[in-house]
Amino acid sequence: MEITAKITKSLRKEDATSDWWIIDAEGKTLGRLATQVARLIRGKHKPWFTPHVDCGDFVIVINAEKIVLHGKRADQKEYFHYTGYPGGGRFQSFKNVISQKPEFAIQHAVRGMLPKTKLGNKMVHKLKVCAGSNHPHAAQSPKLYDLPY
């Protein structure tokens, strides 16, 4: 009787290929959108996902100013920034962030869902967020990604 060993294939960074996806954020919930975007950037949707290799895709999110939060969450959510000085804690409300920099809310949510390592820092650069419906990445011919919900 012959025993064959099962070998786990591991992807090398030279063999990884990246696609470009475009996601419309209009009317989508922030957290649900961010989980799908982080999944695409990390590459977990691919059958050859390897945790220590950047095998994910590029993601363009358009209409960032039309993202929604349900219930009282839009009034209660705050972003915290520490300046480094004593008493230097700064808070900004979600509504204020969306009116000033709508890209920040999505970038902040997705960054929190990526690994906190050097690889995660490289992965976050694969996220491109645009406030309106126009984006400067038409040359990459991105494909429309339909969210499952």
N, C-alpha and C. Protein backbone atom coordinates (compact mmCIF):
# COMPACT_ATOMS: atom_id res chain seq x y z
N MET A 1 0.84 -1.17 0.00
CA MET A 1 0.00 0.00 0.00
C MET A 1 0.89 1.24 0.00
N GLU A 2 0.60 2.13 -0.91
CA GLU A 2 1.41 3.34 -1.07
C GLU A 2 0.74 4.52 -0.40
N ILE A 3 1.51 5.25 0.39
CA ILE A 3 0.98 6.42 1.08
C ILE A 3 1.51 7.66 0.38
N THR A 4 0.60 8.52 -0.03
CA THR A 4 1.01 9.76 -0.68
C THR A 4 0.82 10.91 0.29
N ALA A 5 1.80 11.75 0.35
CA ALA A 5 1.74 12.91 1.25
C ALA A 5 0.96 14.04 0.58
N LYS A 6 0.15 14.69 1.35
CA LYS A 6 -0.57 15.86 0.83
C LYS A 6 0.31 17.08 1.09
N ILE A 7 0.56 17.84 0.06
CA ILE A 7 1.44 18.98 0.15
C ILE A 7 0.62 20.25 0.05
N THR A 8 0.86 21.15 0.97
CA THR A 8 0.21 22.45 0.93
C THR A 8 1.01 23.38 0.05
N LYS A 9 0.37 23.93 -0.95
CA LYS A 9 1.03 24.86 -1.84
C LYS A 9 1.11 26.23 -1.18
N SER A 10 2.23 26.88 -1.30
CA SER A 10 2.42 28.21 -0.74
C SER A 10 2.78 29.16 -1.88
N LEU A 11 2.06 30.24 -1.99
CA LEU A 11 2.26 31.20 -3.06
C LEU A 11 3.47 32.08 -2.78
N ARG A 12 4.27 32.34 -3.81
CA ARG A 12 5.38 33.28 -3.67
C ARG A 12 4.93 34.64 -4.14
N LYS A 13 5.62 35.69 -3.67
CA LYS A 13 5.20 37.04 -4.05
C LYS A 13 5.41 37.29 -5.54
N GLU A 14 6.34 36.56 -6.16
CA GLU A 14 6.56 36.71 -7.60
C GLU A 14 5.40 36.12 -8.41
N ASP A 15 4.70 35.14 -7.84
CA ASP A 15 3.62 34.47 -8.56
C ASP A 15 2.25 35.12 -8.31
N ALA A 16 2.17 36.06 -7.39
CA ALA A 16 0.89 36.69 -7.06
C ALA A 16 0.48 37.67 -8.16
N THR A 17 -0.78 37.62 -8.53
CA THR A 17 -1.34 38.55 -9.51
C THR A 17 -2.44 39.37 -8.84
N SER A 18 -2.56 40.61 -9.25
CA SER A 18 -3.54 41.51 -8.65
C SER A 18 -4.53 42.00 -9.70
N ASP A 19 -5.79 41.98 -9.34
CA ASP A 19 -6.85 42.55 -10.16
C ASP A 19 -7.24 43.90 -9.58
N TRP A 20 -8.01 44.66 -10.33
CA TRP A 20 -8.53 45.95 -9.88
C TRP A 20 -10.04 45.83 -9.79
N TRP A 21 -10.61 46.18 -8.65
CA TRP A 21 -12.05 46.14 -8.43
C TRP A 21 -12.53 47.54 -8.11
N ILE A 22 -13.77 47.82 -8.49
CA ILE A 22 -14.40 49.09 -8.16
C ILE A 22 -15.69 48.79 -7.40
N ILE A 23 -15.88 49.47 -6.27
CA ILE A 23 -17.04 49.25 -5.41
C ILE A 23 -17.75 50.58 -5.21
N ASP A 24 -19.06 50.58 -5.41
CA ASP A 24 -19.87 51.79 -5.19
C ASP A 24 -20.39 51.75 -3.75
N ALA A 25 -20.03 52.76 -2.95
CA ALA A 25 -20.39 52.79 -1.54
C ALA A 25 -21.72 53.47 -1.27
N GLU A 26 -22.43 53.88 -2.29
CA GLU A 26 -23.68 54.62 -2.10
C GLU A 26 -24.72 53.76 -1.40
N GLY A 27 -25.16 54.22 -0.23
CA GLY A 27 -26.18 53.51 0.53
C GLY A 27 -25.70 52.29 1.28
N LYS A 28 -24.42 52.01 1.29
CA LYS A 28 -23.87 50.84 1.97
C LYS A 28 -23.51 51.19 3.41
N THR A 29 -23.59 50.20 4.29
CA THR A 29 -23.19 50.37 5.69
C THR A 29 -21.68 50.32 5.78
N LEU A 30 -21.11 51.20 6.58
CA LEU A 30 -19.65 51.36 6.66
C LEU A 30 -18.94 50.06 7.04
N GLY A 31 -19.36 49.41 8.10
CA GLY A 31 -18.67 48.21 8.57
C GLY A 31 -18.78 47.04 7.61
N ARG A 32 -19.95 46.85 7.02
CA ARG A 32 -20.15 45.75 6.09
C ARG A 32 -19.34 45.96 4.81
N LEU A 33 -19.27 47.20 4.38
CA LEU A 33 -18.45 47.52 3.21
C LEU A 33 -16.97 47.29 3.52
N ALA A 34 -16.53 47.74 4.69
CA ALA A 34 -15.12 47.63 5.05
C ALA A 34 -14.66 46.19 5.16
N THR A 35 -15.51 45.29 5.64
CA THR A 35 -15.10 43.89 5.75
C THR A 35 -14.87 43.29 4.37
N GLN A 36 -15.73 43.61 3.42
CA GLN A 36 -15.55 43.07 2.07
C GLN A 36 -14.32 43.67 1.38
N VAL A 37 -14.09 44.95 1.59
CA VAL A 37 -12.92 45.60 1.00
C VAL A 37 -11.64 45.02 1.59
N ALA A 38 -11.60 44.83 2.91
CA ALA A 38 -10.41 44.26 3.55
C ALA A 38 -10.17 42.83 3.07
N ARG A 39 -11.23 42.10 2.84
CA ARG A 39 -11.11 40.72 2.33
C ARG A 39 -10.49 40.71 0.93
N LEU A 40 -10.91 41.63 0.08
CA LEU A 40 -10.35 41.71 -1.27
C LEU A 40 -8.89 42.15 -1.25
N ILE A 41 -8.57 43.15 -0.42
CA ILE A 41 -7.20 43.65 -0.34
C ILE A 41 -6.26 42.59 0.21
N ARG A 42 -6.73 41.82 1.17
CA ARG A 42 -5.90 40.78 1.78
C ARG A 42 -5.74 39.58 0.86
N GLY A 43 -6.72 39.31 -0.01
CA GLY A 43 -6.64 38.19 -0.95
C GLY A 43 -7.31 36.94 -0.44
N LYS A 44 -8.15 37.06 0.58
CA LYS A 44 -8.78 35.87 1.18
C LYS A 44 -9.84 35.25 0.28
N HIS A 45 -10.24 35.94 -0.78
CA HIS A 45 -11.23 35.40 -1.70
C HIS A 45 -10.60 34.49 -2.74
N LYS A 46 -9.28 34.41 -2.78
CA LYS A 46 -8.58 33.61 -3.77
C LYS A 46 -8.26 32.23 -3.20
N PRO A 47 -8.29 31.20 -4.04
CA PRO A 47 -8.01 29.85 -3.53
C PRO A 47 -6.55 29.65 -3.13
N TRP A 48 -5.65 30.48 -3.60
CA TRP A 48 -4.23 30.33 -3.27
C TRP A 48 -3.79 31.35 -2.22
N PHE A 49 -4.71 31.77 -1.35
CA PHE A 49 -4.39 32.74 -0.30
C PHE A 49 -3.26 32.21 0.57
N THR A 50 -2.26 33.06 0.76
CA THR A 50 -1.13 32.75 1.64
C THR A 50 -0.99 33.92 2.62
N PRO A 51 -1.05 33.65 3.93
CA PRO A 51 -1.10 34.75 4.90
C PRO A 51 0.13 35.65 4.91
N HIS A 52 1.30 35.13 4.57
CA HIS A 52 2.52 35.93 4.67
C HIS A 52 2.94 36.57 3.35
N VAL A 53 2.05 36.51 2.33
CA VAL A 53 2.34 37.09 1.02
C VAL A 53 1.23 38.07 0.66
N ASP A 54 1.60 39.19 0.07
CA ASP A 54 0.62 40.17 -0.40
C ASP A 54 0.05 39.68 -1.72
N CYS A 55 -1.02 38.90 -1.65
CA CYS A 55 -1.61 38.32 -2.86
C CYS A 55 -2.99 38.91 -3.14
N GLY A 56 -3.31 40.04 -2.53
CA GLY A 56 -4.63 40.65 -2.68
C GLY A 56 -4.76 41.51 -3.92
N ASP A 57 -5.93 42.11 -4.06
CA ASP A 57 -6.26 42.93 -5.22
C ASP A 57 -6.33 44.40 -4.82
N PHE A 58 -6.32 45.25 -5.83
CA PHE A 58 -6.52 46.69 -5.64
C PHE A 58 -8.01 46.97 -5.62
N VAL A 59 -8.45 47.88 -4.76
CA VAL A 59 -9.86 48.20 -4.63
C VAL A 59 -10.04 49.71 -4.71
N ILE A 60 -10.97 50.13 -5.56
CA ILE A 60 -11.34 51.54 -5.69
C ILE A 60 -12.76 51.67 -5.13
N VAL A 61 -12.93 52.53 -4.14
CA VAL A 61 -14.25 52.77 -3.56
C VAL A 61 -14.69 54.16 -3.99
N ILE A 62 -15.85 54.23 -4.65
CA ILE A 62 -16.38 55.52 -5.10
C ILE A 62 -17.61 55.88 -4.27
N ASN A 63 -18.00 57.13 -4.33
CA ASN A 63 -19.15 57.67 -3.59
C ASN A 63 -18.99 57.48 -2.08
N ALA A 64 -17.82 57.81 -1.56
CA ALA A 64 -17.55 57.64 -0.14
C ALA A 64 -18.41 58.55 0.73
N GLU A 65 -18.84 59.70 0.19
CA GLU A 65 -19.64 60.60 1.02
C GLU A 65 -21.06 60.09 1.21
N LYS A 66 -21.46 59.05 0.49
CA LYS A 66 -22.82 58.52 0.59
C LYS A 66 -22.90 57.25 1.43
N ILE A 67 -21.86 57.00 2.25
CA ILE A 67 -21.86 55.85 3.14
C ILE A 67 -22.83 56.12 4.29
N VAL A 68 -23.43 55.09 4.87
CA VAL A 68 -24.42 55.30 5.92
C VAL A 68 -24.06 54.49 7.17
N LEU A 69 -24.56 54.94 8.28
CA LEU A 69 -24.55 54.20 9.54
C LEU A 69 -25.99 54.16 10.01
N HIS A 70 -26.42 53.04 10.56
CA HIS A 70 -27.82 52.87 10.93
C HIS A 70 -28.08 53.25 12.37
N GLY A 71 -29.30 53.63 12.64
CA GLY A 71 -29.72 53.97 14.00
C GLY A 71 -29.05 55.23 14.51
N LYS A 72 -28.70 55.22 15.79
CA LYS A 72 -28.06 56.37 16.43
C LYS A 72 -26.55 56.39 16.18
N ARG A 73 -26.05 55.41 15.47
CA ARG A 73 -24.61 55.26 15.31
C ARG A 73 -23.97 56.49 14.64
N ALA A 74 -24.67 57.09 13.70
CA ALA A 74 -24.13 58.27 13.01
C ALA A 74 -23.94 59.43 13.98
N ASP A 75 -24.77 59.53 15.01
CA ASP A 75 -24.63 60.60 16.00
C ASP A 75 -23.61 60.25 17.08
N GLN A 76 -23.45 58.97 17.39
CA GLN A 76 -22.62 58.56 18.51
C GLN A 76 -21.17 58.27 18.14
N LYS A 77 -20.90 57.91 16.91
CA LYS A 77 -19.55 57.50 16.52
C LYS A 77 -18.60 58.69 16.53
N GLU A 78 -17.43 58.48 17.15
CA GLU A 78 -16.40 59.51 17.21
C GLU A 78 -15.04 58.92 16.84
N TYR A 79 -14.21 59.72 16.23
CA TYR A 79 -12.84 59.33 15.91
C TYR A 79 -11.91 60.05 16.87
N PHE A 80 -10.94 59.31 17.43
CA PHE A 80 -10.03 59.86 18.42
C PHE A 80 -8.64 59.99 17.83
N HIS A 81 -7.98 61.11 18.10
CA HIS A 81 -6.60 61.34 17.67
C HIS A 81 -5.85 61.94 18.84
N TYR A 82 -4.67 61.40 19.13
CA TYR A 82 -3.84 61.92 20.21
C TYR A 82 -2.66 62.67 19.61
N THR A 83 -2.48 63.91 20.00
CA THR A 83 -1.44 64.76 19.41
C THR A 83 -0.05 64.45 19.93
N GLY A 84 0.03 63.79 21.08
CA GLY A 84 1.33 63.48 21.66
C GLY A 84 1.66 64.38 22.83
N TYR A 85 0.86 65.38 23.07
CA TYR A 85 1.08 66.29 24.17
C TYR A 85 0.09 65.97 25.30
N PRO A 86 0.44 66.32 26.54
CA PRO A 86 -0.50 66.10 27.65
C PRO A 86 -1.81 66.85 27.39
N GLY A 87 -2.90 66.16 27.55
CA GLY A 87 -4.21 66.76 27.29
C GLY A 87 -4.48 66.94 25.81
N GLY A 88 -3.74 66.23 24.95
CA GLY A 88 -3.85 66.43 23.52
C GLY A 88 -4.80 65.48 22.81
N GLY A 89 -5.77 64.93 23.51
CA GLY A 89 -6.76 64.07 22.87
C GLY A 89 -7.76 64.88 22.08
N ARG A 90 -7.98 64.52 20.83
CA ARG A 90 -8.92 65.25 19.97
C ARG A 90 -9.99 64.28 19.46
N PHE A 91 -11.23 64.69 19.53
CA PHE A 91 -12.36 63.89 19.05
C PHE A 91 -13.00 64.59 17.87
N GLN A 92 -13.46 63.78 16.90
CA GLN A 92 -14.24 64.29 15.77
C GLN A 92 -15.44 63.38 15.58
N SER A 93 -16.60 63.97 15.36
CA SER A 93 -17.78 63.16 15.15
C SER A 93 -17.79 62.60 13.72
N PHE A 94 -18.56 61.54 13.54
CA PHE A 94 -18.67 60.91 12.22
C PHE A 94 -19.24 61.88 11.19
N LYS A 95 -20.25 62.64 11.59
CA LYS A 95 -20.87 63.58 10.65
C LYS A 95 -19.88 64.66 10.22
N ASN A 96 -19.04 65.10 11.13
CA ASN A 96 -18.02 66.10 10.80
C ASN A 96 -16.97 65.51 9.85
N VAL A 97 -16.57 64.27 10.09
CA VAL A 97 -15.58 63.61 9.23
C VAL A 97 -16.13 63.42 7.83
N ILE A 98 -17.38 62.97 7.72
CA ILE A 98 -17.99 62.74 6.41
C ILE A 98 -18.14 64.05 5.64
N SER A 99 -18.42 65.14 6.33
CA SER A 99 -18.58 66.41 5.62
C SER A 99 -17.23 66.99 5.18
N GLN A 100 -16.15 66.76 5.96
CA GLN A 100 -14.85 67.32 5.62
C GLN A 100 -14.00 66.38 4.75
N LYS A 101 -13.79 65.15 5.22
CA LYS A 101 -12.96 64.18 4.51
C LYS A 101 -13.69 62.84 4.44
N PRO A 102 -14.58 62.63 3.49
CA PRO A 102 -15.35 61.39 3.47
C PRO A 102 -14.50 60.14 3.21
N GLU A 103 -13.32 60.31 2.62
CA GLU A 103 -12.45 59.17 2.35
C GLU A 103 -11.90 58.58 3.64
N PHE A 104 -11.70 59.43 4.66
CA PHE A 104 -11.07 59.00 5.90
C PHE A 104 -11.85 57.90 6.61
N ALA A 105 -13.18 57.99 6.62
CA ALA A 105 -13.99 57.03 7.35
C ALA A 105 -13.78 55.61 6.80
N ILE A 106 -13.76 55.47 5.49
CA ILE A 106 -13.57 54.15 4.89
C ILE A 106 -12.13 53.68 5.08
N GLN A 107 -11.17 54.56 4.88
CA GLN A 107 -9.76 54.18 5.06
C GLN A 107 -9.50 53.74 6.50
N HIS A 108 -10.06 54.44 7.46
CA HIS A 108 -9.87 54.12 8.87
C HIS A 108 -10.47 52.76 9.20
N ALA A 109 -11.66 52.48 8.68
CA ALA A 109 -12.33 51.21 8.96
C ALA A 109 -11.58 50.03 8.33
N VAL A 110 -11.12 50.20 7.10
CA VAL A 110 -10.42 49.11 6.42
C VAL A 110 -9.05 48.88 7.04
N ARG A 111 -8.34 49.95 7.39
CA ARG A 111 -7.02 49.82 8.01
C ARG A 111 -7.10 49.02 9.31
N GLY A 112 -8.18 49.21 10.06
CA GLY A 112 -8.35 48.48 11.30
C GLY A 112 -8.61 47.00 11.11
N MET A 113 -8.99 46.59 9.90
CA MET A 113 -9.28 45.18 9.62
C MET A 113 -8.13 44.46 8.94
N LEU A 114 -7.05 45.17 8.64
CA LEU A 114 -5.87 44.56 8.03
C LEU A 114 -4.85 44.23 9.12
N PRO A 115 -3.90 43.35 8.83
CA PRO A 115 -2.89 43.00 9.84
C PRO A 115 -2.09 44.22 10.28
N LYS A 116 -1.71 44.22 11.54
CA LYS A 116 -0.92 45.32 12.11
C LYS A 116 0.56 45.00 11.99
N THR A 117 1.04 44.77 10.77
CA THR A 117 2.43 44.41 10.51
C THR A 117 2.93 45.23 9.32
N LYS A 118 4.19 44.98 8.94
CA LYS A 118 4.74 45.63 7.76
C LYS A 118 3.94 45.25 6.52
N LEU A 119 3.50 44.01 6.45
CA LEU A 119 2.71 43.55 5.31
C LEU A 119 1.37 44.27 5.26
N GLY A 120 0.74 44.47 6.42
CA GLY A 120 -0.52 45.20 6.47
C GLY A 120 -0.35 46.65 6.04
N ASN A 121 0.80 47.25 6.38
CA ASN A 121 1.07 48.63 5.96
C ASN A 121 1.21 48.72 4.45
N LYS A 122 1.76 47.68 3.81
CA LYS A 122 1.86 47.68 2.35
C LYS A 122 0.50 47.44 1.72
N MET A 123 -0.32 46.60 2.35
CA MET A 123 -1.63 46.27 1.80
C MET A 123 -2.56 47.47 1.77
N VAL A 124 -2.45 48.36 2.76
CA VAL A 124 -3.38 49.48 2.85
C VAL A 124 -3.21 50.43 1.67
N HIS A 125 -2.07 50.39 1.00
CA HIS A 125 -1.85 51.23 -0.18
C HIS A 125 -2.59 50.71 -1.41
N LYS A 126 -3.19 49.53 -1.30
CA LYS A 126 -4.00 49.00 -2.41
C LYS A 126 -5.43 49.53 -2.37
N LEU A 127 -5.75 50.32 -1.37
CA LEU A 127 -7.08 50.91 -1.25
C LEU A 127 -7.06 52.33 -1.80
N LYS A 128 -7.94 52.61 -2.75
CA LYS A 128 -8.10 53.94 -3.33
C LYS A 128 -9.55 54.37 -3.09
N VAL A 129 -9.74 55.46 -2.36
CA VAL A 129 -11.08 55.93 -2.01
C VAL A 129 -11.32 57.28 -2.64
N CYS A 130 -12.46 57.44 -3.30
CA CYS A 130 -12.83 58.70 -3.95
C CYS A 130 -14.16 59.17 -3.37
N ALA A 131 -14.25 60.46 -3.09
CA ALA A 131 -15.48 61.01 -2.50
C ALA A 131 -16.64 60.97 -3.48
N GLY A 132 -16.39 61.28 -4.73
CA GLY A 132 -17.44 61.30 -5.74
C GLY A 132 -17.45 60.03 -6.57
N SER A 133 -18.11 60.11 -7.73
CA SER A 133 -18.21 58.93 -8.59
C SER A 133 -17.09 58.86 -9.62
N ASN A 134 -16.25 59.88 -9.70
CA ASN A 134 -15.12 59.87 -10.64
C ASN A 134 -13.87 59.38 -9.93
N HIS A 135 -13.03 58.64 -10.67
CA HIS A 135 -11.76 58.18 -10.12
C HIS A 135 -10.70 58.23 -11.21
N PRO A 136 -9.43 58.41 -10.84
CA PRO A 136 -8.35 58.54 -11.83
C PRO A 136 -7.70 57.21 -12.24
N HIS A 137 -8.38 56.09 -12.00
CA HIS A 137 -7.77 54.79 -12.26
C HIS A 137 -8.44 54.04 -13.41
N ALA A 138 -8.92 54.77 -14.40
CA ALA A 138 -9.59 54.13 -15.53
C ALA A 138 -8.61 53.33 -16.39
N ALA A 139 -7.35 53.71 -16.39
CA ALA A 139 -6.34 53.02 -17.20
C ALA A 139 -6.13 51.58 -16.73
N GLN A 140 -6.43 51.29 -15.47
CA GLN A 140 -6.26 49.93 -14.95
C GLN A 140 -7.45 49.04 -15.29
N SER A 141 -8.47 49.59 -15.92
CA SER A 141 -9.71 48.91 -16.30
C SER A 141 -10.26 48.05 -15.15
N PRO A 142 -10.72 48.71 -14.08
CA PRO A 142 -11.25 47.96 -12.94
C PRO A 142 -12.59 47.33 -13.28
N LYS A 143 -12.85 46.17 -12.66
CA LYS A 143 -14.11 45.47 -12.83
C LYS A 143 -15.03 45.83 -11.67
N LEU A 144 -16.33 45.91 -11.94
CA LEU A 144 -17.31 46.23 -10.92
C LEU A 144 -17.49 45.03 -10.00
N TYR A 145 -17.39 45.27 -8.70
CA TYR A 145 -17.57 44.20 -7.70
C TYR A 145 -18.90 44.40 -7.03
N ASP A 146 -19.76 43.41 -7.13
CA ASP A 146 -21.08 43.46 -6.47
C ASP A 146 -20.95 42.91 -5.07
N LEU A 147 -21.33 43.70 -4.09
CA LEU A 147 -21.30 43.20 -2.71
C LEU A 147 -22.40 42.18 -2.53
N PRO A 148 -22.17 41.15 -1.72
CA PRO A 148 -23.17 40.08 -1.57
C PRO A 148 -24.41 40.47 -0.81
N TYR A 149 -24.51 41.67 -0.26
CA TYR A 149 -25.70 42.09 0.49
C TYR A 149 -26.12 43.46 0.08
